[in-house]
Amino acid sequence: MIRVVLIDDHVLLRGGIRAILESDGDIEVVAEAEDGAAGVELVLRHHPDVVLMDVRMPRLDGIEATRRLIAAGSRARVLVVTTFDHDEYVVQALKAGAAGFLLKDSPPDRLAAAVRAVADGDSLLAPTITRRLIETHLERTGTQEVLRARFDDLTDRERDIVRALARGLANAEIAREMHVSEATVKTHVTRLLTKLGLRSRVQAVVLAYESGFVAPGGLAP
């Protein structure tokens, strides 16, 4: 059973999401909160597998709530639920440690699939949406070369996997493309995250764009 905490200030939306997630029987919503501060408390109390996190909320927004969960050592996977066009802070949430993001108008089956994916350790990065986020919100600075140097310690295979993650590929897709097992891909991902000093695959993708290791224009539509 996948245990989920919902954090969103719209009660009707939370009710709809709960109904969708619990309809298949393998997902359980263990708690709900209407703001980030209350949400952090509930996550630390219930230790869910996945947190569905809104971005803009009263008292404490989703970005700071995500940061606090990471700082507190929570192992819950944070899935940011956003309207996208109006949430200019999504990249900040990903850099804070979120496992991915999902649009609020996504179809019901996509929502449940997203929760299962991040619970299984995958990231949720649609390539076209990621490209638009990166191009719009990531600032290129004089520190780009310094950031890119962090990839020097990766093996050629690990660099290839970073590029594959940036294309939005899941573990199974990377395994098929590279003719290796999913377990091998997971091992490579774990090692490259350790070398980069990062917590999640999503942070690796954001760093890859921010450093110029991966160019936004090179993403497949």
N, C-alpha and C. Protein backbone atom coordinates (compact mmCIF):
# COMPACT_ATOMS: atom_id res chain seq x y z
N MET A 1 0.84 -1.20 0.00
CA MET A 1 0.00 0.00 0.00
C MET A 1 0.87 1.26 0.00
N ILE A 2 0.60 2.17 -0.91
CA ILE A 2 1.33 3.45 -0.98
C ILE A 2 0.59 4.47 -0.12
N ARG A 3 1.29 5.04 0.86
CA ARG A 3 0.68 5.99 1.79
C ARG A 3 0.98 7.41 1.34
N VAL A 4 -0.07 8.25 1.29
CA VAL A 4 0.04 9.59 0.71
C VAL A 4 -0.49 10.64 1.69
N VAL A 5 0.18 11.79 1.71
CA VAL A 5 -0.33 12.98 2.41
C VAL A 5 -0.62 14.05 1.37
N LEU A 6 -1.81 14.65 1.42
CA LEU A 6 -2.21 15.72 0.50
C LEU A 6 -2.03 17.07 1.19
N ILE A 7 -1.33 17.99 0.52
CA ILE A 7 -1.15 19.34 1.06
C ILE A 7 -1.59 20.35 0.01
N ASP A 8 -2.77 20.91 0.22
CA ASP A 8 -3.35 21.86 -0.74
C ASP A 8 -4.41 22.67 -0.01
N ASP A 9 -4.50 23.97 -0.31
CA ASP A 9 -5.45 24.80 0.43
C ASP A 9 -6.86 24.76 -0.15
N HIS A 10 -7.11 23.97 -1.19
CA HIS A 10 -8.45 23.86 -1.76
C HIS A 10 -9.07 22.54 -1.33
N VAL A 11 -10.05 22.63 -0.46
CA VAL A 11 -10.64 21.43 0.12
C VAL A 11 -11.34 20.56 -0.92
N LEU A 12 -11.99 21.18 -1.89
CA LEU A 12 -12.67 20.40 -2.92
C LEU A 12 -11.66 19.64 -3.79
N LEU A 13 -10.55 20.29 -4.09
CA LEU A 13 -9.52 19.63 -4.88
C LEU A 13 -8.94 18.45 -4.12
N ARG A 14 -8.71 18.63 -2.82
CA ARG A 14 -8.18 17.53 -2.02
C ARG A 14 -9.16 16.35 -2.02
N GLY A 15 -10.46 16.66 -1.92
CA GLY A 15 -11.45 15.59 -1.92
C GLY A 15 -11.46 14.83 -3.23
N GLY A 16 -11.32 15.56 -4.33
CA GLY A 16 -11.30 14.92 -5.64
C GLY A 16 -10.07 14.05 -5.82
N ILE A 17 -8.93 14.57 -5.38
CA ILE A 17 -7.68 13.81 -5.50
C ILE A 17 -7.74 12.55 -4.64
N ARG A 18 -8.28 12.68 -3.43
CA ARG A 18 -8.40 11.51 -2.55
C ARG A 18 -9.25 10.42 -3.21
N ALA A 19 -10.39 10.83 -3.79
CA ALA A 19 -11.29 9.86 -4.42
C ALA A 19 -10.60 9.15 -5.58
N ILE A 20 -9.84 9.90 -6.37
CA ILE A 20 -9.14 9.32 -7.52
C ILE A 20 -8.08 8.32 -7.05
N LEU A 21 -7.27 8.74 -6.09
CA LEU A 21 -6.15 7.91 -5.64
C LEU A 21 -6.61 6.63 -4.96
N GLU A 22 -7.68 6.71 -4.19
CA GLU A 22 -8.10 5.56 -3.41
C GLU A 22 -9.03 4.62 -4.17
N SER A 23 -9.34 4.97 -5.42
CA SER A 23 -10.29 4.16 -6.19
C SER A 23 -9.71 2.81 -6.62
N ASP A 24 -8.37 2.71 -6.75
CA ASP A 24 -7.75 1.47 -7.22
C ASP A 24 -7.36 0.51 -6.11
N GLY A 25 -7.37 0.99 -4.88
CA GLY A 25 -7.12 0.10 -3.75
C GLY A 25 -5.68 -0.06 -3.31
N ASP A 26 -4.70 0.45 -4.08
CA ASP A 26 -3.30 0.30 -3.69
C ASP A 26 -2.69 1.59 -3.15
N ILE A 27 -3.51 2.64 -3.07
CA ILE A 27 -3.05 3.94 -2.55
C ILE A 27 -3.99 4.38 -1.43
N GLU A 28 -3.40 4.83 -0.33
CA GLU A 28 -4.19 5.29 0.82
C GLU A 28 -3.77 6.71 1.20
N VAL A 29 -4.72 7.63 1.28
CA VAL A 29 -4.45 8.99 1.75
C VAL A 29 -4.56 8.97 3.27
N VAL A 30 -3.43 9.15 3.94
CA VAL A 30 -3.41 9.02 5.40
C VAL A 30 -3.65 10.33 6.12
N ALA A 31 -3.49 11.48 5.41
CA ALA A 31 -3.72 12.77 6.06
C ALA A 31 -3.82 13.86 5.01
N GLU A 32 -4.47 14.97 5.38
CA GLU A 32 -4.60 16.13 4.51
C GLU A 32 -4.28 17.39 5.30
N ALA A 33 -3.71 18.39 4.61
CA ALA A 33 -3.42 19.68 5.24
C ALA A 33 -3.74 20.79 4.26
N GLU A 34 -4.09 21.95 4.81
CA GLU A 34 -4.48 23.07 3.95
C GLU A 34 -3.38 24.11 3.81
N ASP A 35 -2.24 23.89 4.44
CA ASP A 35 -1.10 24.79 4.25
C ASP A 35 0.19 24.03 4.53
N GLY A 36 1.31 24.62 4.11
CA GLY A 36 2.58 23.93 4.21
C GLY A 36 3.03 23.65 5.63
N ALA A 37 2.76 24.56 6.56
CA ALA A 37 3.19 24.37 7.94
C ALA A 37 2.52 23.16 8.57
N ALA A 38 1.20 23.08 8.42
CA ALA A 38 0.48 21.93 8.94
C ALA A 38 0.88 20.66 8.20
N GLY A 39 1.15 20.81 6.90
CA GLY A 39 1.54 19.66 6.10
C GLY A 39 2.84 19.04 6.55
N VAL A 40 3.84 19.88 6.87
CA VAL A 40 5.13 19.38 7.34
C VAL A 40 4.94 18.57 8.61
N GLU A 41 4.12 19.07 9.53
CA GLU A 41 3.87 18.35 10.77
C GLU A 41 3.24 16.99 10.51
N LEU A 42 2.27 16.95 9.60
CA LEU A 42 1.59 15.69 9.30
C LEU A 42 2.52 14.68 8.64
N VAL A 43 3.37 15.16 7.73
CA VAL A 43 4.30 14.25 7.07
C VAL A 43 5.27 13.64 8.07
N LEU A 44 5.79 14.47 8.97
CA LEU A 44 6.74 13.97 9.96
C LEU A 44 6.06 13.05 10.97
N ARG A 45 4.76 13.19 11.12
CA ARG A 45 4.02 12.33 12.05
C ARG A 45 3.64 10.99 11.41
N HIS A 46 3.21 11.04 10.12
CA HIS A 46 2.67 9.83 9.47
C HIS A 46 3.69 9.07 8.61
N HIS A 47 4.79 9.73 8.25
CA HIS A 47 5.84 9.09 7.43
C HIS A 47 5.27 8.44 6.17
N PRO A 48 4.63 9.22 5.30
CA PRO A 48 4.06 8.67 4.07
C PRO A 48 5.14 8.33 3.05
N ASP A 49 4.74 7.63 2.01
CA ASP A 49 5.66 7.34 0.91
C ASP A 49 5.74 8.53 -0.05
N VAL A 50 4.59 9.19 -0.26
CA VAL A 50 4.50 10.28 -1.22
C VAL A 50 3.74 11.45 -0.62
N VAL A 51 4.18 12.67 -0.95
CA VAL A 51 3.47 13.90 -0.57
C VAL A 51 3.05 14.61 -1.84
N LEU A 52 1.76 14.89 -1.99
CA LEU A 52 1.28 15.73 -3.09
C LEU A 52 1.24 17.15 -2.57
N MET A 53 2.09 18.01 -3.11
CA MET A 53 2.33 19.35 -2.56
C MET A 53 1.92 20.45 -3.53
N ASP A 54 0.99 21.30 -3.09
CA ASP A 54 0.66 22.50 -3.86
C ASP A 54 1.81 23.49 -3.69
N VAL A 55 1.91 24.47 -4.58
CA VAL A 55 2.99 25.45 -4.48
C VAL A 55 2.55 26.67 -3.68
N ARG A 56 1.46 27.28 -4.07
CA ARG A 56 1.03 28.51 -3.43
C ARG A 56 -0.03 28.21 -2.38
N MET A 57 0.35 28.43 -1.12
CA MET A 57 -0.56 28.18 0.00
C MET A 57 -0.32 29.21 1.09
N PRO A 58 -1.31 29.43 1.97
CA PRO A 58 -1.13 30.37 3.08
C PRO A 58 -0.15 29.82 4.11
N ARG A 59 0.36 30.70 4.94
CA ARG A 59 1.28 30.40 6.04
C ARG A 59 2.65 29.93 5.56
N LEU A 60 2.68 28.86 4.77
CA LEU A 60 3.96 28.33 4.30
C LEU A 60 3.75 27.73 2.92
N ASP A 61 4.52 28.21 1.92
CA ASP A 61 4.32 27.69 0.56
C ASP A 61 4.98 26.33 0.37
N GLY A 62 4.70 25.72 -0.77
CA GLY A 62 5.18 24.37 -1.02
C GLY A 62 6.68 24.26 -1.14
N ILE A 63 7.33 25.33 -1.59
CA ILE A 63 8.79 25.30 -1.72
C ILE A 63 9.46 25.20 -0.36
N GLU A 64 9.06 26.10 0.54
CA GLU A 64 9.66 26.09 1.87
C GLU A 64 9.27 24.84 2.64
N ALA A 65 8.04 24.37 2.43
CA ALA A 65 7.62 23.13 3.08
C ALA A 65 8.49 21.96 2.63
N THR A 66 8.80 21.92 1.34
CA THR A 66 9.67 20.87 0.81
C THR A 66 11.06 20.96 1.42
N ARG A 67 11.59 22.17 1.51
CA ARG A 67 12.91 22.36 2.11
C ARG A 67 12.93 21.87 3.55
N ARG A 68 11.87 22.18 4.29
CA ARG A 68 11.82 21.78 5.70
C ARG A 68 11.73 20.27 5.86
N LEU A 69 11.01 19.63 4.97
CA LEU A 69 10.90 18.17 5.03
C LEU A 69 12.27 17.53 4.77
N ILE A 70 12.98 18.05 3.77
CA ILE A 70 14.30 17.51 3.45
C ILE A 70 15.25 17.73 4.61
N ALA A 71 15.21 18.95 5.18
CA ALA A 71 16.10 19.27 6.31
C ALA A 71 15.80 18.40 7.52
N ALA A 72 14.53 18.01 7.68
CA ALA A 72 14.13 17.18 8.82
C ALA A 72 14.44 15.70 8.60
N GLY A 73 14.94 15.38 7.42
CA GLY A 73 15.30 14.00 7.14
C GLY A 73 14.16 13.13 6.64
N SER A 74 13.07 13.74 6.22
CA SER A 74 11.94 12.96 5.71
C SER A 74 12.33 12.23 4.43
N ARG A 75 11.92 10.97 4.33
CA ARG A 75 12.21 10.18 3.14
C ARG A 75 11.01 10.14 2.19
N ALA A 76 9.97 10.90 2.53
CA ALA A 76 8.80 10.97 1.66
C ALA A 76 9.18 11.62 0.33
N ARG A 77 8.62 11.13 -0.75
CA ARG A 77 8.87 11.68 -2.08
C ARG A 77 7.84 12.77 -2.34
N VAL A 78 8.30 13.99 -2.62
CA VAL A 78 7.41 15.13 -2.82
C VAL A 78 7.09 15.30 -4.30
N LEU A 79 5.81 15.27 -4.61
CA LEU A 79 5.33 15.48 -5.98
C LEU A 79 4.58 16.81 -6.00
N VAL A 80 5.15 17.80 -6.68
CA VAL A 80 4.56 19.13 -6.74
C VAL A 80 3.40 19.13 -7.73
N VAL A 81 2.24 19.57 -7.27
CA VAL A 81 1.06 19.66 -8.13
C VAL A 81 0.85 21.13 -8.45
N THR A 82 0.90 21.49 -9.73
CA THR A 82 0.94 22.89 -10.12
C THR A 82 0.05 23.19 -11.32
N THR A 83 -0.33 24.46 -11.45
CA THR A 83 -1.03 24.92 -12.65
C THR A 83 -0.03 25.30 -13.73
N PHE A 84 1.23 25.27 -13.39
CA PHE A 84 2.39 25.52 -14.26
C PHE A 84 2.47 26.94 -14.80
N ASP A 85 1.49 27.37 -15.58
CA ASP A 85 1.59 28.69 -16.20
C ASP A 85 1.69 29.80 -15.17
N HIS A 86 1.19 29.55 -13.97
CA HIS A 86 1.18 30.60 -12.95
C HIS A 86 2.16 30.31 -11.81
N ASP A 87 2.86 29.20 -11.86
CA ASP A 87 3.77 28.85 -10.78
C ASP A 87 5.22 28.99 -11.22
N GLU A 88 5.76 30.21 -11.03
CA GLU A 88 7.12 30.47 -11.46
C GLU A 88 8.14 29.87 -10.50
N TYR A 89 7.68 29.25 -9.42
CA TYR A 89 8.59 28.71 -8.42
C TYR A 89 8.82 27.20 -8.52
N VAL A 90 8.32 26.59 -9.59
CA VAL A 90 8.42 25.13 -9.68
C VAL A 90 9.87 24.66 -9.69
N VAL A 91 10.74 25.33 -10.45
CA VAL A 91 12.15 24.94 -10.49
C VAL A 91 12.76 25.03 -9.10
N GLN A 92 12.39 26.05 -8.33
CA GLN A 92 12.90 26.17 -6.97
C GLN A 92 12.47 24.97 -6.13
N ALA A 93 11.24 24.52 -6.34
CA ALA A 93 10.76 23.35 -5.60
C ALA A 93 11.54 22.11 -5.98
N LEU A 94 11.85 21.95 -7.28
CA LEU A 94 12.62 20.80 -7.73
C LEU A 94 14.03 20.85 -7.15
N LYS A 95 14.62 22.04 -7.14
CA LYS A 95 15.96 22.18 -6.59
C LYS A 95 15.95 21.92 -5.08
N ALA A 96 14.82 22.18 -4.44
CA ALA A 96 14.70 21.95 -3.00
C ALA A 96 14.63 20.46 -2.68
N GLY A 97 14.35 19.63 -3.69
CA GLY A 97 14.33 18.20 -3.45
C GLY A 97 13.06 17.48 -3.86
N ALA A 98 12.13 18.17 -4.52
CA ALA A 98 10.91 17.52 -4.98
C ALA A 98 11.24 16.45 -6.03
N ALA A 99 10.44 15.39 -6.06
CA ALA A 99 10.69 14.27 -6.99
C ALA A 99 10.15 14.54 -8.38
N GLY A 100 9.37 15.60 -8.54
CA GLY A 100 8.82 15.90 -9.85
C GLY A 100 7.61 16.80 -9.72
N PHE A 101 6.93 17.02 -10.83
CA PHE A 101 5.75 17.86 -10.78
C PHE A 101 4.68 17.32 -11.71
N LEU A 102 3.46 17.68 -11.40
CA LEU A 102 2.30 17.20 -12.14
C LEU A 102 1.33 18.37 -12.32
N LEU A 103 0.77 18.50 -13.51
CA LEU A 103 -0.19 19.56 -13.76
C LEU A 103 -1.55 19.23 -13.12
N LYS A 104 -2.20 20.24 -12.58
CA LYS A 104 -3.48 20.03 -11.90
C LYS A 104 -4.58 19.56 -12.84
N ASP A 105 -4.44 19.82 -14.12
CA ASP A 105 -5.47 19.39 -15.06
C ASP A 105 -5.12 18.05 -15.72
N SER A 106 -4.17 17.32 -15.12
CA SER A 106 -3.83 16.00 -15.66
C SER A 106 -5.00 15.04 -15.51
N PRO A 107 -5.16 14.08 -16.43
CA PRO A 107 -6.25 13.11 -16.31
C PRO A 107 -6.09 12.25 -15.07
N PRO A 108 -7.19 11.72 -14.52
CA PRO A 108 -7.15 10.95 -13.27
C PRO A 108 -6.16 9.80 -13.28
N ASP A 109 -6.09 9.05 -14.39
CA ASP A 109 -5.18 7.91 -14.41
C ASP A 109 -3.72 8.35 -14.37
N ARG A 110 -3.45 9.55 -14.87
CA ARG A 110 -2.09 10.09 -14.83
C ARG A 110 -1.70 10.41 -13.39
N LEU A 111 -2.64 10.89 -12.59
CA LEU A 111 -2.36 11.24 -11.20
C LEU A 111 -1.93 10.00 -10.41
N ALA A 112 -2.72 8.93 -10.51
CA ALA A 112 -2.39 7.70 -9.79
C ALA A 112 -1.07 7.12 -10.28
N ALA A 113 -0.85 7.16 -11.59
CA ALA A 113 0.39 6.63 -12.16
C ALA A 113 1.59 7.43 -11.66
N ALA A 114 1.42 8.75 -11.51
CA ALA A 114 2.50 9.60 -11.04
C ALA A 114 2.87 9.25 -9.60
N VAL A 115 1.87 9.04 -8.77
CA VAL A 115 2.13 8.67 -7.38
C VAL A 115 2.87 7.34 -7.31
N ARG A 116 2.45 6.38 -8.11
CA ARG A 116 3.13 5.08 -8.12
C ARG A 116 4.57 5.22 -8.61
N ALA A 117 4.78 6.06 -9.61
CA ALA A 117 6.12 6.23 -10.18
C ALA A 117 7.09 6.80 -9.16
N VAL A 118 6.70 7.88 -8.49
CA VAL A 118 7.62 8.50 -7.54
C VAL A 118 7.79 7.62 -6.30
N ALA A 119 6.75 6.88 -5.92
CA ALA A 119 6.87 5.97 -4.78
C ALA A 119 7.89 4.87 -5.08
N ASP A 120 8.01 4.53 -6.37
CA ASP A 120 8.93 3.47 -6.79
C ASP A 120 10.34 4.01 -7.02
N GLY A 121 10.54 5.30 -6.76
CA GLY A 121 11.87 5.88 -6.89
C GLY A 121 12.14 6.58 -8.20
N ASP A 122 11.15 6.64 -9.08
CA ASP A 122 11.33 7.33 -10.36
C ASP A 122 11.08 8.82 -10.18
N SER A 123 11.49 9.59 -11.18
CA SER A 123 11.18 11.01 -11.19
C SER A 123 10.04 11.24 -12.17
N LEU A 124 9.45 12.42 -12.12
CA LEU A 124 8.36 12.73 -13.02
C LEU A 124 8.70 14.04 -13.72
N LEU A 125 9.30 13.93 -14.89
CA LEU A 125 9.75 15.10 -15.63
C LEU A 125 9.37 14.95 -17.10
N ALA A 126 8.27 15.54 -17.48
CA ALA A 126 7.88 15.53 -18.89
C ALA A 126 8.85 16.43 -19.65
N PRO A 127 9.52 15.92 -20.67
CA PRO A 127 10.57 16.69 -21.34
C PRO A 127 10.14 18.07 -21.84
N THR A 128 8.98 18.17 -22.48
CA THR A 128 8.58 19.46 -23.03
C THR A 128 8.31 20.48 -21.92
N ILE A 129 7.71 20.03 -20.83
CA ILE A 129 7.43 20.93 -19.71
C ILE A 129 8.74 21.31 -19.02
N THR A 130 9.62 20.35 -18.86
CA THR A 130 10.91 20.63 -18.23
C THR A 130 11.68 21.66 -19.02
N ARG A 131 11.69 21.51 -20.35
CA ARG A 131 12.42 22.46 -21.19
C ARG A 131 11.88 23.87 -20.99
N ARG A 132 10.56 24.01 -20.97
CA ARG A 132 9.97 25.34 -20.81
C ARG A 132 10.31 25.93 -19.45
N LEU A 133 10.27 25.10 -18.41
CA LEU A 133 10.62 25.57 -17.07
C LEU A 133 12.07 26.05 -17.03
N ILE A 134 12.96 25.22 -17.58
CA ILE A 134 14.38 25.56 -17.52
C ILE A 134 14.66 26.84 -18.29
N GLU A 135 14.13 26.93 -19.50
CA GLU A 135 14.40 28.10 -20.34
C GLU A 135 13.84 29.37 -19.72
N THR A 136 12.74 29.24 -18.99
CA THR A 136 12.07 30.41 -18.43
C THR A 136 12.66 30.86 -17.11
N HIS A 137 13.06 29.89 -16.27
CA HIS A 137 13.34 30.23 -14.88
C HIS A 137 14.77 30.03 -14.41
N LEU A 138 15.56 29.22 -15.07
CA LEU A 138 16.93 29.03 -14.60
C LEU A 138 17.84 30.12 -15.13
N GLU A 139 18.52 30.78 -14.22
CA GLU A 139 19.40 31.87 -14.61
C GLU A 139 20.80 31.34 -14.91
N ARG A 140 21.35 31.78 -16.03
CA ARG A 140 22.74 31.44 -16.35
C ARG A 140 23.64 32.47 -15.68
N THR A 141 24.59 31.99 -14.91
CA THR A 141 25.46 32.91 -14.18
C THR A 141 26.91 32.56 -14.44
N GLY A 142 27.79 33.34 -13.83
CA GLY A 142 29.21 33.10 -13.98
C GLY A 142 29.69 31.84 -13.28
N THR A 143 28.81 31.21 -12.50
CA THR A 143 29.18 29.99 -11.79
C THR A 143 28.94 28.75 -12.63
N GLN A 144 28.52 28.90 -13.88
CA GLN A 144 28.17 27.76 -14.72
C GLN A 144 29.33 26.78 -14.86
N GLU A 145 30.53 27.28 -15.10
CA GLU A 145 31.68 26.39 -15.26
C GLU A 145 31.97 25.62 -13.98
N VAL A 146 31.81 26.30 -12.85
CA VAL A 146 32.04 25.63 -11.57
C VAL A 146 31.04 24.50 -11.37
N LEU A 147 29.79 24.77 -11.71
CA LEU A 147 28.76 23.75 -11.57
C LEU A 147 29.02 22.58 -12.51
N ARG A 148 29.44 22.89 -13.73
CA ARG A 148 29.66 21.83 -14.70
C ARG A 148 30.82 20.92 -14.28
N ALA A 149 31.79 21.48 -13.56
CA ALA A 149 32.93 20.69 -13.12
C ALA A 149 32.50 19.57 -12.18
N ARG A 150 31.32 19.68 -11.58
CA ARG A 150 30.84 18.64 -10.67
C ARG A 150 30.57 17.33 -11.41
N PHE A 151 30.41 17.40 -12.73
CA PHE A 151 30.15 16.20 -13.52
C PHE A 151 31.44 15.49 -13.94
N ASP A 152 32.60 16.09 -13.65
CA ASP A 152 33.88 15.52 -14.09
C ASP A 152 34.16 14.16 -13.48
N ASP A 153 33.65 13.93 -12.27
CA ASP A 153 33.93 12.68 -11.58
C ASP A 153 33.02 11.53 -12.02
N LEU A 154 32.04 11.83 -12.85
CA LEU A 154 31.13 10.78 -13.31
C LEU A 154 31.78 9.94 -14.40
N THR A 155 31.42 8.68 -14.46
CA THR A 155 31.87 7.83 -15.55
C THR A 155 31.09 8.18 -16.82
N ASP A 156 31.55 7.68 -17.96
CA ASP A 156 30.85 7.94 -19.21
C ASP A 156 29.41 7.42 -19.14
N ARG A 157 29.23 6.23 -18.56
CA ARG A 157 27.90 5.66 -18.45
C ARG A 157 27.00 6.52 -17.55
N GLU A 158 27.56 7.02 -16.46
CA GLU A 158 26.78 7.87 -15.55
C GLU A 158 26.38 9.17 -16.23
N ARG A 159 27.29 9.73 -17.06
CA ARG A 159 26.93 10.94 -17.80
C ARG A 159 25.81 10.65 -18.79
N ASP A 160 25.87 9.51 -19.45
CA ASP A 160 24.81 9.12 -20.38
C ASP A 160 23.47 9.00 -19.65
N ILE A 161 23.50 8.49 -18.45
CA ILE A 161 22.26 8.33 -17.69
C ILE A 161 21.71 9.70 -17.29
N VAL A 162 22.57 10.63 -16.93
CA VAL A 162 22.10 11.99 -16.62
C VAL A 162 21.38 12.57 -17.84
N ARG A 163 21.96 12.40 -19.01
CA ARG A 163 21.34 12.91 -20.23
C ARG A 163 19.99 12.22 -20.48
N ALA A 164 19.93 10.94 -20.19
CA ALA A 164 18.68 10.20 -20.37
C ALA A 164 17.62 10.70 -19.39
N LEU A 165 18.01 10.97 -18.16
CA LEU A 165 17.07 11.51 -17.17
C LEU A 165 16.53 12.86 -17.64
N ALA A 166 17.42 13.66 -18.23
CA ALA A 166 17.00 14.98 -18.72
C ALA A 166 16.01 14.87 -19.87
N ARG A 167 16.02 13.75 -20.57
CA ARG A 167 15.06 13.52 -21.64
C ARG A 167 13.73 13.00 -21.11
N GLY A 168 13.64 12.81 -19.80
CA GLY A 168 12.40 12.36 -19.20
C GLY A 168 12.23 10.86 -19.18
N LEU A 169 13.31 10.10 -19.41
CA LEU A 169 13.20 8.65 -19.46
C LEU A 169 13.13 8.05 -18.06
N ALA A 170 12.28 7.04 -17.89
CA ALA A 170 12.19 6.29 -16.65
C ALA A 170 13.25 5.20 -16.64
N ASN A 171 13.42 4.56 -15.50
CA ASN A 171 14.45 3.52 -15.38
C ASN A 171 14.31 2.43 -16.43
N ALA A 172 13.07 1.96 -16.64
CA ALA A 172 12.84 0.87 -17.59
C ALA A 172 13.23 1.30 -19.01
N GLU A 173 12.93 2.55 -19.37
CA GLU A 173 13.26 3.04 -20.70
C GLU A 173 14.77 3.18 -20.88
N ILE A 174 15.45 3.65 -19.83
CA ILE A 174 16.90 3.77 -19.89
C ILE A 174 17.54 2.39 -20.03
N ALA A 175 17.00 1.44 -19.27
CA ALA A 175 17.53 0.07 -19.31
C ALA A 175 17.41 -0.52 -20.71
N ARG A 176 16.25 -0.32 -21.35
CA ARG A 176 16.08 -0.84 -22.71
C ARG A 176 17.02 -0.16 -23.69
N GLU A 177 17.17 1.14 -23.56
CA GLU A 177 18.02 1.89 -24.49
C GLU A 177 19.49 1.51 -24.35
N MET A 178 19.90 1.23 -23.12
CA MET A 178 21.32 0.93 -22.88
C MET A 178 21.60 -0.57 -22.82
N HIS A 179 20.55 -1.37 -22.99
CA HIS A 179 20.69 -2.83 -22.99
C HIS A 179 21.28 -3.35 -21.68
N VAL A 180 20.75 -2.83 -20.58
CA VAL A 180 21.14 -3.30 -19.25
C VAL A 180 19.86 -3.53 -18.43
N SER A 181 20.00 -4.04 -17.23
CA SER A 181 18.84 -4.28 -16.38
C SER A 181 18.42 -3.00 -15.65
N GLU A 182 17.17 -2.97 -15.18
CA GLU A 182 16.71 -1.83 -14.39
C GLU A 182 17.53 -1.70 -13.11
N ALA A 183 17.89 -2.84 -12.53
CA ALA A 183 18.69 -2.81 -11.30
C ALA A 183 20.03 -2.11 -11.54
N THR A 184 20.61 -2.35 -12.72
CA THR A 184 21.88 -1.70 -13.07
C THR A 184 21.69 -0.19 -13.19
N VAL A 185 20.60 0.21 -13.82
CA VAL A 185 20.31 1.64 -13.96
C VAL A 185 20.15 2.28 -12.58
N LYS A 186 19.40 1.63 -11.70
CA LYS A 186 19.20 2.18 -10.35
C LYS A 186 20.53 2.31 -9.62
N THR A 187 21.42 1.34 -9.80
CA THR A 187 22.74 1.41 -9.16
C THR A 187 23.54 2.60 -9.68
N HIS A 188 23.51 2.80 -10.99
CA HIS A 188 24.22 3.93 -11.58
C HIS A 188 23.65 5.25 -11.07
N VAL A 189 22.32 5.35 -10.99
CA VAL A 189 21.67 6.58 -10.52
C VAL A 189 22.08 6.86 -9.08
N THR A 190 22.07 5.84 -8.24
CA THR A 190 22.46 6.01 -6.84
C THR A 190 23.89 6.52 -6.74
N ARG A 191 24.79 5.94 -7.53
CA ARG A 191 26.19 6.34 -7.49
C ARG A 191 26.40 7.76 -7.99
N LEU A 192 25.73 8.13 -9.08
CA LEU A 192 25.94 9.47 -9.62
C LEU A 192 25.37 10.54 -8.67
N LEU A 193 24.26 10.22 -8.00
CA LEU A 193 23.71 11.16 -7.03
C LEU A 193 24.68 11.36 -5.87
N THR A 194 25.30 10.28 -5.42
CA THR A 194 26.28 10.38 -4.34
C THR A 194 27.46 11.24 -4.76
N LYS A 195 27.96 11.02 -5.96
CA LYS A 195 29.10 11.80 -6.46
C LYS A 195 28.75 13.29 -6.59
N LEU A 196 27.52 13.57 -7.01
CA LEU A 196 27.10 14.96 -7.20
C LEU A 196 26.65 15.62 -5.89
N GLY A 197 26.49 14.81 -4.84
CA GLY A 197 26.04 15.35 -3.56
C GLY A 197 24.59 15.77 -3.58
N LEU A 198 23.77 15.03 -4.33
CA LEU A 198 22.36 15.38 -4.50
C LEU A 198 21.47 14.30 -3.89
N ARG A 199 20.21 14.66 -3.65
CA ARG A 199 19.27 13.75 -3.01
C ARG A 199 18.39 13.02 -4.01
N SER A 200 18.12 13.66 -5.16
CA SER A 200 17.15 13.07 -6.08
C SER A 200 17.59 13.19 -7.54
N ARG A 201 16.97 12.36 -8.37
CA ARG A 201 17.20 12.40 -9.82
C ARG A 201 16.83 13.77 -10.38
N VAL A 202 15.77 14.34 -9.86
CA VAL A 202 15.30 15.63 -10.35
C VAL A 202 16.35 16.71 -10.11
N GLN A 203 16.98 16.70 -8.94
CA GLN A 203 18.02 17.67 -8.66
C GLN A 203 19.19 17.50 -9.63
N ALA A 204 19.47 16.26 -10.02
CA ALA A 204 20.54 16.01 -10.99
C ALA A 204 20.19 16.62 -12.34
N VAL A 205 18.93 16.51 -12.74
CA VAL A 205 18.50 17.07 -14.02
C VAL A 205 18.59 18.60 -13.98
N VAL A 206 18.10 19.19 -12.90
CA VAL A 206 18.16 20.65 -12.78
C VAL A 206 19.60 21.13 -12.81
N LEU A 207 20.49 20.45 -12.09
CA LEU A 207 21.91 20.83 -12.09
C LEU A 207 22.50 20.69 -13.49
N ALA A 208 22.08 19.65 -14.21
CA ALA A 208 22.60 19.44 -15.56
C ALA A 208 22.25 20.61 -16.47
N TYR A 209 21.03 21.12 -16.36
CA TYR A 209 20.63 22.28 -17.16
C TYR A 209 21.32 23.53 -16.68
N GLU A 210 21.33 23.73 -15.37
CA GLU A 210 21.87 24.96 -14.80
C GLU A 210 23.35 25.12 -15.12
N SER A 211 24.05 23.99 -15.18
CA SER A 211 25.50 24.03 -15.43
C SER A 211 25.83 24.08 -16.92
N GLY A 212 24.84 23.80 -17.78
CA GLY A 212 25.09 23.73 -19.20
C GLY A 212 25.53 22.36 -19.66
N PHE A 213 25.58 21.38 -18.72
CA PHE A 213 25.94 20.02 -19.11
C PHE A 213 24.94 19.46 -20.10
N VAL A 214 23.67 19.86 -19.94
CA VAL A 214 22.61 19.52 -20.89
C VAL A 214 22.00 20.83 -21.38
N ALA A 215 21.81 20.98 -22.68
CA ALA A 215 21.22 22.21 -23.23
C ALA A 215 19.72 22.04 -23.38
N PRO A 216 18.90 22.99 -22.88
CA PRO A 216 17.45 22.88 -23.02
C PRO A 216 17.01 22.66 -24.46
N GLY A 217 17.64 23.30 -25.39
CA GLY A 217 17.25 23.14 -26.80
C GLY A 217 17.51 21.77 -27.35
N GLY A 218 18.29 20.98 -26.62
CA GLY A 218 18.60 19.63 -27.10
C GLY A 218 17.60 18.59 -26.69
N LEU A 219 16.58 18.99 -25.92
CA LEU A 219 15.59 18.02 -25.48
C LEU A 219 14.66 17.66 -26.61
N ALA A 220 14.28 16.40 -26.67
CA ALA A 220 13.30 15.97 -27.67
C ALA A 220 11.92 16.47 -27.26
N PRO A 221 11.10 16.94 -28.21
CA PRO A 221 9.77 17.43 -27.86
C PRO A 221 8.88 16.28 -27.43
